[in-house]
Protein backbone atom coordinates (compact mmCIF):
# COMPACT_ATOMS: atom_id res chain seq x y z
CA UNK A 1 75.38 72.56 122.51
CA UNK A 2 72.47 73.99 120.47
CA UNK A 3 70.94 75.42 123.63
CA UNK A 4 74.24 77.05 124.55
CA UNK A 5 74.71 78.53 121.07
CA UNK A 6 71.16 79.84 120.91
CA UNK A 7 71.64 82.18 123.86
CA UNK A 8 71.77 85.84 122.97
CA UNK A 9 74.67 86.52 125.31
CA UNK A 10 78.33 85.96 124.45
CA UNK A 11 80.83 84.31 126.75
CA UNK A 12 84.46 85.35 126.41
CA UNK A 13 87.06 82.82 127.39
CA UNK A 14 90.70 83.79 126.90
CA UNK A 15 93.74 81.94 128.18
CA UNK A 16 95.68 84.55 130.19
CA UNK A 17 97.44 84.29 133.72
CA UNK A 18 95.88 82.06 136.54
CA UNK A 19 92.43 83.35 137.53
CA UNK A 20 89.03 83.83 136.03
CA UNK A 21 88.30 87.52 135.68
CA UNK A 22 85.12 89.33 134.57
CA UNK A 23 85.70 92.36 132.38
CA UNK A 24 82.65 94.28 133.66
CA UNK A 25 83.93 94.92 137.16
CA UNK A 26 87.30 93.15 137.09
CA UNK A 27 86.26 90.75 139.85
CA UNK A 28 88.58 87.78 140.36
CA UNK A 29 86.70 84.49 140.47
CA UNK A 30 88.51 81.45 141.95
CA UNK A 31 88.50 78.16 140.02
CA UNK A 32 89.29 74.75 141.52
CA UNK A 33 91.31 72.06 139.73
CA UNK A 34 91.29 69.20 138.93
CA UNK A 35 88.13 69.97 136.97
CA UNK A 36 85.73 67.65 135.15
CA UNK A 37 85.94 67.72 131.36
CA UNK A 38 82.82 69.85 131.18
CA UNK A 39 81.81 72.18 133.94
CA UNK A 40 78.79 74.38 134.41
CA UNK A 41 79.51 77.34 136.67
CA UNK A 42 77.59 80.49 137.47
CA UNK A 43 78.20 84.00 138.73
CA UNK A 44 75.81 85.97 140.91
CA UNK A 45 75.93 89.48 139.38
CA UNK A 46 74.88 91.16 142.64
CA UNK A 47 77.36 89.47 144.96
CA UNK A 48 80.03 88.26 142.55
CA UNK A 49 79.80 84.83 144.19
CA UNK A 50 80.78 81.89 141.98
CA UNK A 51 79.63 78.29 142.16
CA UNK A 52 79.76 75.25 139.91
CA UNK A 53 77.99 71.97 139.31
CA UNK A 54 79.11 68.66 137.85
CA UNK A 55 78.62 68.13 134.10
CA UNK A 56 75.01 68.39 133.02
CA UNK A 57 73.29 68.93 129.67
CA UNK A 58 72.73 72.57 128.77
CA UNK A 59 69.63 73.43 130.85
CA UNK A 60 66.50 74.69 129.20
CA UNK A 61 64.84 76.46 132.11
CA UNK A 62 64.52 80.10 133.22
CA UNK A 63 66.97 81.46 135.86
CA UNK A 64 66.80 84.61 137.95
CA UNK A 65 67.89 87.86 136.27
CA UNK A 66 70.83 88.35 138.63
CA UNK A 67 72.68 85.17 137.64
CA UNK A 68 74.48 84.01 134.52
CA UNK A 69 75.32 80.46 133.48
CA UNK A 70 78.22 79.27 131.33
CA UNK A 71 78.86 75.84 129.86
CA UNK A 72 82.63 75.37 129.67
CA UNK A 73 84.94 72.68 128.32
CA UNK A 74 88.28 72.52 130.13
CA UNK A 75 91.45 70.88 128.79
CA UNK A 76 94.75 70.64 130.75
CA UNK A 77 97.98 71.97 129.19
CA UNK A 78 101.57 72.29 130.38
CA UNK A 79 101.59 75.82 131.66
CA UNK A 80 100.00 78.07 134.23
CA UNK A 81 97.30 80.19 132.71
CA UNK A 82 94.41 82.47 133.56
CA UNK A 83 91.00 82.49 132.02
CA UNK A 84 89.17 85.70 131.24
CA UNK A 85 85.41 85.32 131.15
CA UNK A 86 82.89 88.00 130.23
CA UNK A 87 79.29 88.09 129.07
CA UNK A 88 76.54 90.40 127.84
CA UNK A 89 72.82 90.23 127.31
CA UNK A 90 71.90 87.51 129.78
CA UNK A 91 68.42 86.00 129.51
CA UNK A 92 66.42 84.87 132.60
CA UNK A 93 67.18 81.25 133.38
CA UNK A 94 66.65 79.02 136.47
CA UNK A 95 69.80 77.27 137.62
CA UNK A 96 70.06 73.90 139.33
CA UNK A 97 71.66 73.62 142.79
CA UNK A 98 75.40 74.15 142.66
CA UNK A 99 78.40 73.40 144.81
CA UNK A 100 80.55 76.31 146.09
CA UNK A 101 83.98 76.37 144.48
CA UNK A 102 87.11 76.22 146.67
CA UNK A 103 90.15 78.39 146.03
CA UNK A 104 92.02 77.94 142.77
CA UNK A 105 95.06 75.64 142.92
CA UNK A 106 97.52 76.77 140.22
CA UNK A 107 97.25 74.15 137.55
CA UNK A 108 97.21 74.57 133.83
CA UNK A 109 94.09 74.54 131.69
CA UNK A 110 92.71 75.91 128.45
CA UNK A 111 89.07 76.72 127.99
CA UNK A 112 86.77 76.81 125.01
CA UNK A 113 83.01 77.01 124.68
CA UNK A 114 81.42 73.58 124.71
CA UNK A 115 80.43 72.69 121.19
CA UNK A 116 82.61 75.45 119.76
CA UNK A 117 84.52 73.00 117.54
CA UNK A 118 87.34 75.45 117.18
CA UNK A 119 85.33 78.18 115.44
CA UNK A 120 85.11 81.82 116.41
CA UNK A 121 81.63 82.76 117.58
CA UNK A 122 79.91 85.94 116.48
CA UNK A 123 80.37 88.50 119.21
CA UNK A 124 79.26 91.86 120.37
CA UNK A 125 81.76 94.71 119.91
CA UNK A 126 84.52 94.55 122.49
CA UNK A 127 84.13 90.88 123.41
CA UNK A 128 86.67 88.24 122.46
CA UNK A 129 85.75 84.89 120.99
CA UNK A 130 87.39 81.63 122.03
CA UNK A 131 89.64 79.46 119.94
CA UNK A 132 89.97 75.70 120.13
CA UNK A 133 93.41 74.89 121.52
CA UNK A 134 95.81 73.19 119.11
CA UNK A 135 96.12 69.52 120.02
CA UNK A 136 99.44 69.30 118.25
CA UNK A 137 101.39 72.53 117.90
CA UNK A 138 103.35 72.62 114.64
CA UNK A 139 106.48 74.48 113.62
CA UNK A 140 108.38 75.02 110.38
CA UNK A 141 111.41 76.73 108.86
CA UNK A 142 112.36 77.89 105.39
CA UNK A 143 114.18 75.31 103.25
CA UNK A 144 116.96 76.52 100.98
CA UNK A 145 119.89 78.92 101.00
CA UNK A 146 118.32 81.61 103.19
CA UNK A 147 118.06 81.02 106.93
CA UNK A 148 114.66 81.91 108.37
CA UNK A 149 113.33 81.99 111.93
CA UNK A 150 111.40 79.05 113.23
CA UNK A 151 107.70 79.67 112.65
CA UNK A 152 104.85 78.35 114.80
CA UNK A 153 101.34 77.55 113.65
CA UNK A 154 98.37 78.94 115.61
CA UNK A 155 94.86 77.90 114.57
CA UNK A 156 92.48 80.72 115.45
CA UNK A 157 89.04 79.49 114.35
CA UNK A 158 87.27 79.25 111.02
CA UNK A 159 86.67 81.86 108.33
CA UNK A 160 84.46 81.90 105.22
CA UNK A 161 87.10 83.64 103.08
CA UNK A 162 90.74 84.65 103.09
CA UNK A 163 91.85 87.10 105.77
CA UNK A 164 92.51 90.42 104.02
CA UNK A 165 94.77 93.46 104.52
CA UNK A 166 96.07 92.95 108.08
CA UNK A 167 97.58 95.89 109.93
CA UNK A 168 99.09 96.00 113.42
CA UNK A 169 98.88 98.87 115.89
CA UNK A 170 101.47 99.77 118.55
CA UNK A 171 99.48 97.77 121.12
CA UNK A 172 100.15 94.56 119.19
CA UNK A 173 96.60 94.12 117.90
CA UNK A 174 96.43 92.84 114.33
CA UNK A 175 93.25 93.81 112.48
CA UNK A 176 91.92 91.90 109.47
CA UNK A 177 88.68 90.68 107.90
CA UNK A 178 87.40 87.77 105.80
CA UNK A 179 85.04 90.32 104.16
CA UNK A 180 81.93 88.71 105.66
CA UNK A 181 80.89 91.77 107.65
CA UNK A 182 83.15 90.97 110.62
CA UNK A 183 86.36 92.58 111.81
CA UNK A 184 88.90 90.31 113.48
CA UNK A 185 91.42 91.30 116.14
CA UNK A 186 94.42 89.08 116.81
CA UNK A 187 96.60 90.10 119.73
CA UNK A 188 100.13 89.24 118.58
CA UNK A 189 101.79 88.87 122.02
CA UNK A 190 99.16 86.55 123.53
CA UNK A 191 97.33 85.03 120.55
CA UNK A 192 93.95 86.18 121.88
CA UNK A 193 91.28 86.55 119.20
CA UNK A 194 88.23 88.80 118.95
CA UNK A 195 85.58 88.91 116.26
CA UNK A 196 83.50 92.07 115.88
CA UNK A 197 80.17 92.34 114.07
CA UNK A 198 80.55 95.54 112.06
CA UNK A 199 76.83 95.89 111.45
CA UNK A 200 76.22 95.90 115.21
CA UNK A 201 79.11 98.33 115.64
CA UNK A 202 78.31 100.78 112.82
CA UNK A 203 74.61 100.28 112.06
CA UNK A 204 75.23 99.28 108.44
CA UNK A 205 76.24 96.09 106.65
CA UNK A 206 79.84 95.55 105.57
CA UNK A 207 79.42 92.13 104.06
CA UNK A 208 81.00 91.94 100.62
CA UNK A 209 82.87 95.25 100.95
CA UNK A 210 86.62 95.15 100.58
CA UNK A 211 87.90 96.23 103.99
CA UNK A 212 91.37 97.44 104.89
CA UNK A 213 91.45 98.19 108.64
CA UNK A 214 94.28 100.57 109.55
CA UNK A 215 95.24 100.78 113.23
CA UNK A 216 96.45 104.09 114.63
CA UNK A 217 96.68 104.27 118.41
CA UNK A 218 93.26 103.45 119.78
CA UNK A 219 91.55 104.19 116.48
CA UNK A 220 90.82 101.78 113.66
CA UNK A 221 90.22 103.33 110.24
CA UNK A 222 87.74 101.17 108.32
CA UNK A 223 88.98 101.84 104.82
CA UNK A 224 86.97 100.59 101.83
CA UNK A 225 86.64 101.79 98.23
CA UNK A 226 82.98 100.79 98.38
CA UNK A 227 81.86 103.70 100.61
CA UNK A 228 82.15 107.45 99.93
CA UNK A 229 83.34 108.32 103.46
CA UNK A 230 85.99 107.12 105.86
CA UNK A 231 84.59 105.34 108.89
CA UNK A 232 86.66 105.50 112.08
CA UNK A 233 86.16 103.44 115.24
CA UNK A 234 87.48 104.98 118.45
CA UNK A 235 88.01 102.01 120.72
CA UNK A 236 88.22 104.12 123.89
CA UNK A 237 84.86 105.83 123.44
CA UNK A 238 83.26 103.04 121.43
CA UNK A 239 82.11 105.71 118.99
CA UNK A 240 82.15 105.26 115.22
CA UNK A 241 82.39 108.43 113.14
CA UNK A 242 82.22 109.17 109.41
CA UNK A 243 84.43 111.67 107.60
CA UNK A 244 84.25 113.17 104.12
CA UNK A 245 87.10 112.76 101.69
CA UNK A 246 88.43 115.95 100.09
CA UNK A 247 87.55 114.83 96.53
CA UNK A 248 84.58 113.68 94.51
CA UNK A 249 83.87 110.02 93.64
CA UNK A 250 86.46 108.64 96.06
CA UNK A 251 87.70 105.06 95.82
CA UNK A 252 90.14 104.93 98.74
CA UNK A 253 91.46 101.39 98.76
CA UNK A 254 93.68 101.31 101.84
CA UNK A 255 96.94 102.58 103.23
CA UNK A 256 99.56 102.56 105.95
CA UNK A 257 100.17 104.18 109.32
CA UNK A 258 103.62 105.66 109.94
CA UNK A 259 105.26 105.07 113.35
CA UNK A 260 105.13 108.18 115.53
CA UNK A 261 103.13 110.20 113.01
CA UNK A 262 99.56 111.55 113.07
CA UNK A 263 99.43 111.25 109.29
CA UNK A 264 98.11 108.03 107.76
CA UNK A 265 99.04 107.32 104.14
CA UNK A 266 96.01 106.37 102.03
CA UNK A 267 95.71 105.83 98.31
CA UNK A 268 92.85 106.11 95.83
CA UNK A 269 92.87 103.60 92.95
CA UNK A 270 90.28 105.37 90.80
CA UNK A 271 92.14 108.70 90.93
CA UNK A 272 95.67 107.16 91.09
CA UNK A 273 96.41 109.47 93.98
CA UNK A 274 97.94 109.52 97.46
CA UNK A 275 95.77 110.90 100.24
CA UNK A 276 97.54 112.18 103.38
CA UNK A 277 95.07 111.83 106.25
CA UNK A 278 95.35 113.71 109.56
CA UNK A 279 94.00 111.33 112.22
CA UNK A 280 93.61 114.12 114.80
CA UNK A 281 91.42 116.41 112.69
CA UNK A 282 90.23 113.67 110.32
CA UNK A 283 90.91 115.69 107.25
CA UNK A 284 92.92 114.78 104.20
CA UNK A 285 94.72 116.26 101.23
CA UNK A 286 94.79 114.52 97.85
CA UNK A 287 97.91 114.32 95.64
CA UNK A 288 97.02 112.90 92.18
CA UNK A 289 99.84 111.13 90.38
CA UNK A 290 101.02 113.36 87.49
CA UNK A 291 102.49 110.53 85.40
CA UNK A 292 100.80 108.68 82.55
CA UNK A 293 100.38 105.19 83.93
CA UNK A 294 99.69 101.87 82.23
CA UNK A 295 97.07 100.95 84.85
CA UNK A 296 95.49 102.10 88.06
CA UNK A 297 97.68 102.84 91.08
CA UNK A 298 97.86 99.78 93.25
CA UNK A 299 99.90 97.86 95.84
CA UNK A 300 101.56 100.75 97.66
CA UNK A 301 104.14 100.41 100.39
CA UNK A 302 105.82 102.91 102.72
CA UNK A 303 109.55 103.20 103.39
CA UNK A 304 109.73 105.45 106.47
CA UNK A 305 113.54 105.36 106.62
CA UNK A 306 113.81 107.15 103.25
CA UNK A 307 110.54 108.73 103.80
CA UNK A 308 108.82 107.68 100.59
CA UNK A 309 105.60 106.01 99.47
CA UNK A 310 105.99 103.63 96.53
CA UNK A 311 103.34 102.23 94.22
CA UNK A 312 102.73 99.87 91.31
CA UNK A 313 100.05 99.69 88.63
CA UNK A 314 97.61 96.82 88.40
CA UNK A 315 98.71 94.55 85.54
CA UNK A 316 100.99 97.38 84.40
CA UNK A 317 104.73 97.98 84.26
CA UNK A 318 105.02 101.21 86.30
CA UNK A 319 106.77 101.92 89.60
CA UNK A 320 106.12 105.37 91.10
CA UNK A 321 107.50 107.30 94.07
CA UNK A 322 105.91 109.90 96.35
CA UNK A 323 108.27 111.88 98.60
CA UNK A 324 106.77 112.32 102.07
CA UNK A 325 108.98 115.24 103.11
CA UNK A 326 108.28 117.45 100.10
CA UNK A 327 104.81 115.91 99.57
CA UNK A 328 105.50 115.64 95.86
CA UNK A 329 105.67 112.85 93.28
CA UNK A 330 109.36 112.47 92.45
CA UNK A 331 109.82 109.32 90.39
CA UNK A 332 108.33 107.24 87.55
CA UNK A 333 110.11 104.04 86.51
CA UNK A 334 108.64 102.01 83.67
CA UNK A 335 109.92 98.54 82.92
CA UNK A 336 111.23 98.32 79.33
CA UNK A 337 108.98 95.34 78.54
CA UNK A 338 105.39 96.38 77.80
CA UNK A 339 104.19 92.93 78.84
CA UNK A 340 105.81 93.01 82.29
CA UNK A 341 103.49 93.12 85.31
CA UNK A 342 105.57 94.72 88.03
CA UNK A 343 104.83 94.89 91.77
CA UNK A 344 106.98 96.80 94.22
CA UNK A 345 107.47 96.02 97.89
CA UNK A 346 109.87 95.98 100.82
CA UNK A 347 112.24 98.93 101.06
CA UNK A 348 115.26 100.52 99.42
CA UNK A 349 118.35 98.34 99.88
CA UNK A 350 121.74 100.06 99.93
CA UNK A 351 119.84 103.31 99.77
CA UNK A 352 119.04 102.95 96.09
CA UNK A 353 117.87 99.48 95.02
CA UNK A 354 114.32 98.18 94.89
CA UNK A 355 113.61 94.52 94.19
CA UNK A 356 110.58 94.46 91.93
CA UNK A 357 108.45 91.37 91.20
CA UNK A 358 107.50 90.47 87.64
CA UNK A 359 104.43 88.67 88.83
CA UNK A 360 103.68 86.30 85.92
CA UNK A 361 107.31 85.63 84.94
CA UNK A 362 108.58 84.40 88.31
CA UNK A 363 111.33 87.00 88.47
CA UNK A 364 112.73 89.50 90.97
CA UNK A 365 114.24 92.48 89.14
CA UNK A 366 116.65 94.98 90.74
CA UNK A 367 115.83 98.63 90.05
CA UNK A 368 118.41 101.35 90.71
CA UNK A 369 116.25 104.35 91.57
CA UNK A 370 119.21 106.74 91.32
CA UNK A 371 119.90 105.95 87.68
CA UNK A 372 116.55 104.42 86.67
CA UNK A 373 118.35 101.31 85.38
CA UNK A 374 116.73 97.89 85.56
CA UNK A 375 119.08 95.04 86.41
CA UNK A 376 119.20 91.47 85.25
CA UNK A 377 116.10 89.48 86.33
CA UNK A 378 116.69 86.94 89.09
CA UNK A 379 114.62 83.75 88.52
CA UNK A 380 112.63 82.51 91.52
CA UNK A 381 112.87 78.72 92.09
CA UNK A 382 109.63 76.80 91.58
CA UNK A 383 108.09 79.11 88.97
CA UNK A 384 105.76 77.18 86.66
CA UNK A 385 105.97 74.10 88.87
CA UNK A 386 104.27 74.92 92.14
CA UNK A 387 103.40 78.59 91.61
CA UNK A 388 102.47 80.91 88.77
CA UNK A 389 101.99 84.27 90.50
CA UNK A 390 104.67 86.11 92.47
CA UNK A 391 103.56 88.89 94.83
CA UNK A 392 105.42 92.02 95.79
CA UNK A 393 107.97 91.51 98.53
CA UNK A 394 107.00 91.89 102.18
CA UNK A 395 109.87 93.14 104.32
CA UNK A 396 110.91 91.26 107.44
CA UNK A 397 114.35 92.02 108.78
CA UNK A 398 116.70 92.17 105.80
CA UNK A 399 114.73 89.63 103.77
CA UNK A 400 111.76 89.85 101.42
CA UNK A 401 108.86 87.39 101.70
CA UNK A 402 106.75 86.69 98.60
CA UNK A 403 103.39 84.92 98.57
CA UNK A 404 102.17 82.85 95.64
CA UNK A 405 99.14 81.54 93.81
CA UNK A 406 98.53 79.13 90.94
CA UNK A 407 97.42 82.06 88.75
CA UNK A 408 99.27 82.64 85.46
CA UNK A 409 97.17 85.58 84.18
CA UNK A 410 93.62 85.93 82.85
CA UNK A 411 91.66 82.86 83.91
CA UNK A 412 94.65 80.58 83.54
CA UNK A 413 96.54 78.57 86.15
CA UNK A 414 99.54 76.26 86.31
CA UNK A 415 97.30 73.16 86.51
CA UNK A 416 94.26 74.18 84.44
CA UNK A 417 92.06 74.39 87.54
CA UNK A 418 90.60 77.58 89.10
CA UNK A 419 93.54 79.57 90.44
CA UNK A 420 93.98 80.23 94.15
CA UNK A 421 96.59 81.27 96.69
CA UNK A 422 98.66 78.54 98.33
CA UNK A 423 100.38 77.85 101.65
CA UNK A 424 103.96 78.42 100.46
CA UNK A 425 106.07 81.59 100.48
CA UNK A 426 109.45 82.43 98.96
CA UNK A 427 112.10 84.12 101.14
CA UNK A 428 114.71 86.22 99.31
CA UNK A 429 117.98 87.61 100.65
CA UNK A 430 118.99 90.67 98.58
CA UNK A 431 122.53 90.53 99.97
CA UNK A 432 123.23 87.08 98.51
CA UNK A 433 120.39 86.96 95.95
CA UNK A 434 119.53 83.48 97.26
CA UNK A 435 116.15 81.95 98.10
CA UNK A 436 114.36 79.62 100.50
CA UNK A 437 110.85 78.20 100.44
CA UNK A 438 108.67 78.52 103.53
CA UNK A 439 105.72 76.12 103.78
CA UNK A 440 102.90 76.28 106.29
CA UNK A 441 102.92 73.09 108.39
CA UNK A 442 99.86 70.94 107.74
CA UNK A 443 97.67 68.78 109.91
CA UNK A 444 96.38 65.31 108.97
CA UNK A 445 93.88 65.61 106.13
CA UNK A 446 95.10 69.05 105.01
CA UNK A 447 96.82 69.84 101.72
CA UNK A 448 99.44 72.57 101.56
CA UNK A 449 97.99 73.91 98.30
CA UNK A 450 94.64 74.52 100.04
CA UNK A 451 96.08 76.84 102.71
CA UNK A 452 95.46 80.20 101.05
CA UNK A 453 98.01 82.67 102.35
CA UNK A 454 98.65 86.06 100.75
CA UNK A 455 99.04 88.59 103.58
CA UNK A 456 101.54 89.25 106.33
CA UNK A 457 102.17 91.80 109.08
CA UNK A 458 104.99 92.57 111.50
CA UNK A 459 104.92 93.53 115.15
CA UNK A 460 108.18 94.57 116.78
CA UNK A 461 110.70 91.93 115.65
CA UNK A 462 108.17 89.28 114.68
CA UNK A 463 106.39 88.26 111.48
CA UNK A 464 102.81 86.99 111.25
CA UNK A 465 101.54 85.26 108.10
CA UNK A 466 97.80 84.54 107.81
CA UNK A 467 96.06 81.74 105.93
CA UNK A 468 92.63 80.13 105.56
CA UNK A 469 92.07 76.56 104.38
CA UNK A 470 89.89 76.41 101.24
CA UNK A 471 88.42 73.14 102.45
CA UNK A 472 85.94 72.55 105.24
CA UNK A 473 86.10 73.45 108.11
CA UNK A 474 88.05 76.43 106.63
CA UNK A 475 90.54 76.72 109.45
CA UNK A 476 92.04 80.19 109.92
CA UNK A 477 95.74 80.12 110.74
CA UNK A 478 98.42 82.50 111.94
CA UNK A 479 102.00 81.42 111.26
CA UNK A 480 104.14 83.39 113.68
CA UNK A 481 107.90 83.78 114.09
CA UNK A 482 107.54 83.71 117.86
CA UNK A 483 105.79 80.94 119.81
CA UNK A 484 102.67 81.48 121.80
CA UNK A 485 103.25 81.99 125.54
CA UNK A 486 102.98 78.27 126.38
CA UNK A 487 105.27 75.42 127.26
CA UNK A 488 103.67 73.02 124.81
CA UNK A 489 106.28 71.20 122.72
CA UNK A 490 106.03 71.89 118.99
CA UNK A 491 106.34 69.30 116.22
CA UNK A 492 108.42 70.29 113.20
């Protein structure tokens, strides 16, 4: 295993449709089943010929330059699948005699790197890393008065920190980062995972920088308040470019792409401003908020159906509105309590009502944006018992999803221990003003409170919640409202 991991090349193994395929020249490589539990196979780069040998320890000799060797662990599953295999940076290595492989007989298998132990390996840009297949797929539903979809757990590797600020492009790729200098790509339809070393991609370190990747077509905007320029990765050309912001001392935190638009909505926390960014010309125009706010502009969300961009203030009691048609600020709504900490999210319901979180009081408060009137607070079940912090609502269908932590403000928590996010969400139906609780399903040895989940993203009609276990081995999880393309039976 150590010999395999020490190689400078990367092997990409992705479960996909019934053959082994190399990305370099799209050659199809036949694979014979039944297969031994571990299999060493090799590809002649000149001829494309494939052969395999019976299980052997990872060799430590020097093969010819025109051949590559892979050590593969194969597990059977209940569906037909393909395996995509690619590699870069092969080192000379001598290979032992091998047996030619007969034609592939369609039988199901999943593949992971031997010794991978379920973790994502560091990769070169453009190469996908393997994930350890779930031995026991798990499913869950919300419990309470609001009906939710059935959600399915997908373990996607290990991560050193929480997965931050996911965004999904029209191709179904979800982009996120644990802020360790790597960018992760999760393909929502297939569950394929890729891990990209941003230092190798951009030539500079990103470790420790807050990163909000925003997908727009084949571009990924690498948005961080820690750098004075906007970095953009064009996935077609492989080129990374830098672009100046139109203002001094920028602190552009993140933003949102609008469907069918070449304008990306960004916001600057230091200047409390919206920045409209043209992704064709890579130029932007800044619109500072004219209102006197109780804190810095934070936690924005876009409502494209009423085309507006809404924001909150960090630990403040302001809600503000930016009109996208007129490109003007058109609303400032301050909660009457000076101690309220309000967060906005979701969309306008009935064309006029926002449901605003009072994050340390466990309340959802209706706000009529036509009259500016705040309605009666709606208490969220479980406040003070299993959660202290209530996030802004994340829209999925006609419901709002709220994440939670044990935080109660300052350095305090509901249990006196260091505060952290947890693996439970609240689902709210504005039509009935009822709630359900949605828990991540756990595996043996896991605790629900250790599954830190505070971000979500949608693709088409599906919701994807992300989490990372605080405890070793720090499993990274996607909880998805649609199952992976497999016939494995889930346990609920």
